[in-house]
Amino acid sequence: MKTNYLMGAEDVANELGVSKGHAYKVIRQLNEELEKSGFIVVTGKIPRAFWEKKFYGYQTA
């Protein structure tokens, strides 16, 4: 099973149990944090590894 590297609003909404509109707000905040750290971001998407680190406190390979 292949896991996508990037998560979209639907993925975030499912993980958090919130609306897609709220998921976009969360993605926007996380992307701002990544951008301040010097990373390139994709609007409306968040790297799965960064998501797991921020919300679950761990990283996958």
N, C-alpha and C. Protein backbone atom coordinates (compact mmCIF):
# COMPACT_ATOMS: atom_id res chain seq x y z
N MET A 1 0.84 -1.18 0.00
CA MET A 1 0.00 0.00 0.00
C MET A 1 0.89 1.24 0.00
N LYS A 2 0.66 2.13 -0.94
CA LYS A 2 1.44 3.35 -1.04
C LYS A 2 0.75 4.47 -0.28
N THR A 3 1.51 5.17 0.54
CA THR A 3 0.99 6.31 1.28
C THR A 3 1.45 7.58 0.60
N ASN A 4 0.52 8.49 0.41
CA ASN A 4 0.88 9.77 -0.21
C ASN A 4 1.75 10.58 0.72
N TYR A 5 2.73 11.25 0.13
CA TYR A 5 3.65 12.09 0.89
C TYR A 5 2.95 13.32 1.46
N LEU A 6 2.01 13.87 0.71
CA LEU A 6 1.29 15.07 1.14
C LEU A 6 -0.15 14.75 1.54
N MET A 7 -0.62 15.45 2.54
CA MET A 7 -2.01 15.33 2.98
C MET A 7 -2.78 16.56 2.52
N GLY A 8 -4.00 16.34 2.04
CA GLY A 8 -4.86 17.44 1.65
C GLY A 8 -5.88 17.75 2.74
N ALA A 9 -6.77 18.67 2.45
CA ALA A 9 -7.77 19.09 3.44
C ALA A 9 -8.70 17.95 3.83
N GLU A 10 -9.03 17.09 2.88
CA GLU A 10 -9.92 15.97 3.19
C GLU A 10 -9.25 15.01 4.17
N ASP A 11 -7.95 14.75 3.97
CA ASP A 11 -7.20 13.88 4.87
C ASP A 11 -7.15 14.47 6.28
N VAL A 12 -6.85 15.75 6.36
CA VAL A 12 -6.76 16.43 7.66
C VAL A 12 -8.13 16.45 8.34
N ALA A 13 -9.17 16.74 7.57
CA ALA A 13 -10.53 16.77 8.12
C ALA A 13 -10.91 15.40 8.70
N ASN A 14 -10.56 14.34 8.00
CA ASN A 14 -10.86 12.99 8.49
C ASN A 14 -10.08 12.66 9.76
N GLU A 15 -8.82 13.05 9.79
CA GLU A 15 -7.98 12.79 10.97
C GLU A 15 -8.49 13.51 12.21
N LEU A 16 -8.93 14.76 12.04
CA LEU A 16 -9.35 15.58 13.18
C LEU A 16 -10.85 15.54 13.44
N GLY A 17 -11.61 15.05 12.48
CA GLY A 17 -13.07 15.03 12.64
C GLY A 17 -13.67 16.43 12.55
N VAL A 18 -13.14 17.24 11.64
CA VAL A 18 -13.62 18.62 11.47
C VAL A 18 -14.02 18.82 10.01
N SER A 19 -14.57 19.99 9.72
CA SER A 19 -14.95 20.32 8.34
C SER A 19 -13.72 20.57 7.49
N LYS A 20 -13.91 20.50 6.17
CA LYS A 20 -12.80 20.79 5.26
C LYS A 20 -12.35 22.24 5.39
N GLY A 21 -13.29 23.14 5.66
CA GLY A 21 -12.93 24.54 5.84
C GLY A 21 -11.99 24.74 7.01
N HIS A 22 -12.27 24.05 8.11
CA HIS A 22 -11.38 24.15 9.28
C HIS A 22 -10.04 23.47 8.99
N ALA A 23 -10.09 22.38 8.25
CA ALA A 23 -8.85 21.69 7.89
C ALA A 23 -7.94 22.59 7.08
N TYR A 24 -8.51 23.40 6.17
CA TYR A 24 -7.69 24.34 5.40
C TYR A 24 -7.03 25.37 6.32
N LYS A 25 -7.72 25.80 7.37
CA LYS A 25 -7.13 26.74 8.32
C LYS A 25 -5.94 26.11 9.04
N VAL A 26 -6.09 24.85 9.43
CA VAL A 26 -5.00 24.13 10.11
C VAL A 26 -3.81 24.00 9.16
N ILE A 27 -4.09 23.61 7.92
CA ILE A 27 -3.02 23.47 6.92
C ILE A 27 -2.31 24.79 6.71
N ARG A 28 -3.06 25.87 6.64
CA ARG A 28 -2.48 27.20 6.43
C ARG A 28 -1.53 27.53 7.59
N GLN A 29 -1.93 27.26 8.82
CA GLN A 29 -1.08 27.54 9.98
C GLN A 29 0.20 26.71 9.94
N LEU A 30 0.06 25.43 9.62
CA LEU A 30 1.24 24.57 9.56
C LEU A 30 2.17 24.98 8.42
N ASN A 31 1.60 25.38 7.29
CA ASN A 31 2.43 25.84 6.16
C ASN A 31 3.17 27.12 6.50
N GLU A 32 2.54 28.01 7.25
CA GLU A 32 3.22 29.23 7.68
C GLU A 32 4.42 28.89 8.56
N GLU A 33 4.24 27.92 9.44
CA GLU A 33 5.34 27.49 10.31
C GLU A 33 6.49 26.90 9.48
N LEU A 34 6.14 26.07 8.50
CA LEU A 34 7.17 25.49 7.63
C LEU A 34 7.89 26.56 6.83
N GLU A 35 7.13 27.52 6.31
CA GLU A 35 7.71 28.59 5.50
C GLU A 35 8.69 29.43 6.32
N LYS A 36 8.33 29.72 7.57
CA LYS A 36 9.22 30.50 8.45
C LYS A 36 10.51 29.74 8.73
N SER A 37 10.43 28.41 8.68
CA SER A 37 11.62 27.59 8.90
C SER A 37 12.45 27.41 7.64
N GLY A 38 11.98 28.00 6.54
CA GLY A 38 12.75 27.96 5.31
C GLY A 38 12.37 26.85 4.34
N PHE A 39 11.29 26.15 4.58
CA PHE A 39 10.87 25.08 3.70
C PHE A 39 9.94 25.60 2.61
N ILE A 40 9.93 24.92 1.49
CA ILE A 40 9.00 25.23 0.40
C ILE A 40 7.68 24.54 0.73
N VAL A 41 6.58 25.25 0.55
CA VAL A 41 5.27 24.67 0.87
C VAL A 41 4.41 24.59 -0.38
N VAL A 42 3.45 23.68 -0.35
CA VAL A 42 2.46 23.53 -1.40
C VAL A 42 1.13 23.98 -0.79
N THR A 43 0.52 25.00 -1.37
CA THR A 43 -0.72 25.52 -0.85
C THR A 43 -1.79 24.43 -0.80
N GLY A 44 -2.45 24.31 0.35
CA GLY A 44 -3.53 23.34 0.50
C GLY A 44 -3.07 21.94 0.83
N LYS A 45 -1.77 21.75 1.00
CA LYS A 45 -1.22 20.42 1.32
C LYS A 45 -0.22 20.56 2.46
N ILE A 46 -0.03 19.46 3.19
CA ILE A 46 0.94 19.45 4.29
C ILE A 46 1.69 18.12 4.23
N PRO A 47 3.00 18.12 4.42
CA PRO A 47 3.73 16.86 4.41
C PRO A 47 3.26 15.94 5.55
N ARG A 48 3.02 14.68 5.23
CA ARG A 48 2.52 13.72 6.21
C ARG A 48 3.48 13.58 7.40
N ALA A 49 4.79 13.57 7.15
CA ALA A 49 5.78 13.42 8.23
C ALA A 49 5.70 14.60 9.21
N PHE A 50 5.53 15.82 8.68
CA PHE A 50 5.41 17.00 9.54
C PHE A 50 4.12 16.93 10.35
N TRP A 51 3.04 16.49 9.72
CA TRP A 51 1.75 16.32 10.39
C TRP A 51 1.89 15.36 11.58
N GLU A 52 2.50 14.21 11.33
CA GLU A 52 2.65 13.20 12.38
C GLU A 52 3.51 13.71 13.53
N LYS A 53 4.54 14.47 13.21
CA LYS A 53 5.40 15.03 14.24
C LYS A 53 4.65 16.06 15.09
N LYS A 54 3.87 16.94 14.44
CA LYS A 54 3.17 17.99 15.16
C LYS A 54 1.98 17.45 15.98
N PHE A 55 1.26 16.47 15.46
CA PHE A 55 0.04 16.03 16.13
C PHE A 55 0.22 14.78 16.97
N TYR A 56 1.20 13.96 16.65
CA TYR A 56 1.36 12.71 17.38
C TYR A 56 2.71 12.60 18.07
N GLY A 57 3.61 13.55 17.80
CA GLY A 57 4.88 13.57 18.49
C GLY A 57 5.91 12.60 17.99
N TYR A 58 5.70 12.05 16.81
CA TYR A 58 6.70 11.14 16.24
C TYR A 58 6.75 11.29 14.75
N GLN A 59 7.78 10.72 14.15
CA GLN A 59 7.98 10.77 12.72
C GLN A 59 8.09 9.37 12.17
N THR A 60 7.63 9.19 10.95
CA THR A 60 7.88 7.94 10.24
C THR A 60 9.10 8.14 9.37
N ALA A 61 9.69 7.07 8.97
CA ALA A 61 10.90 7.13 8.14
C ALA A 61 10.65 7.98 6.96
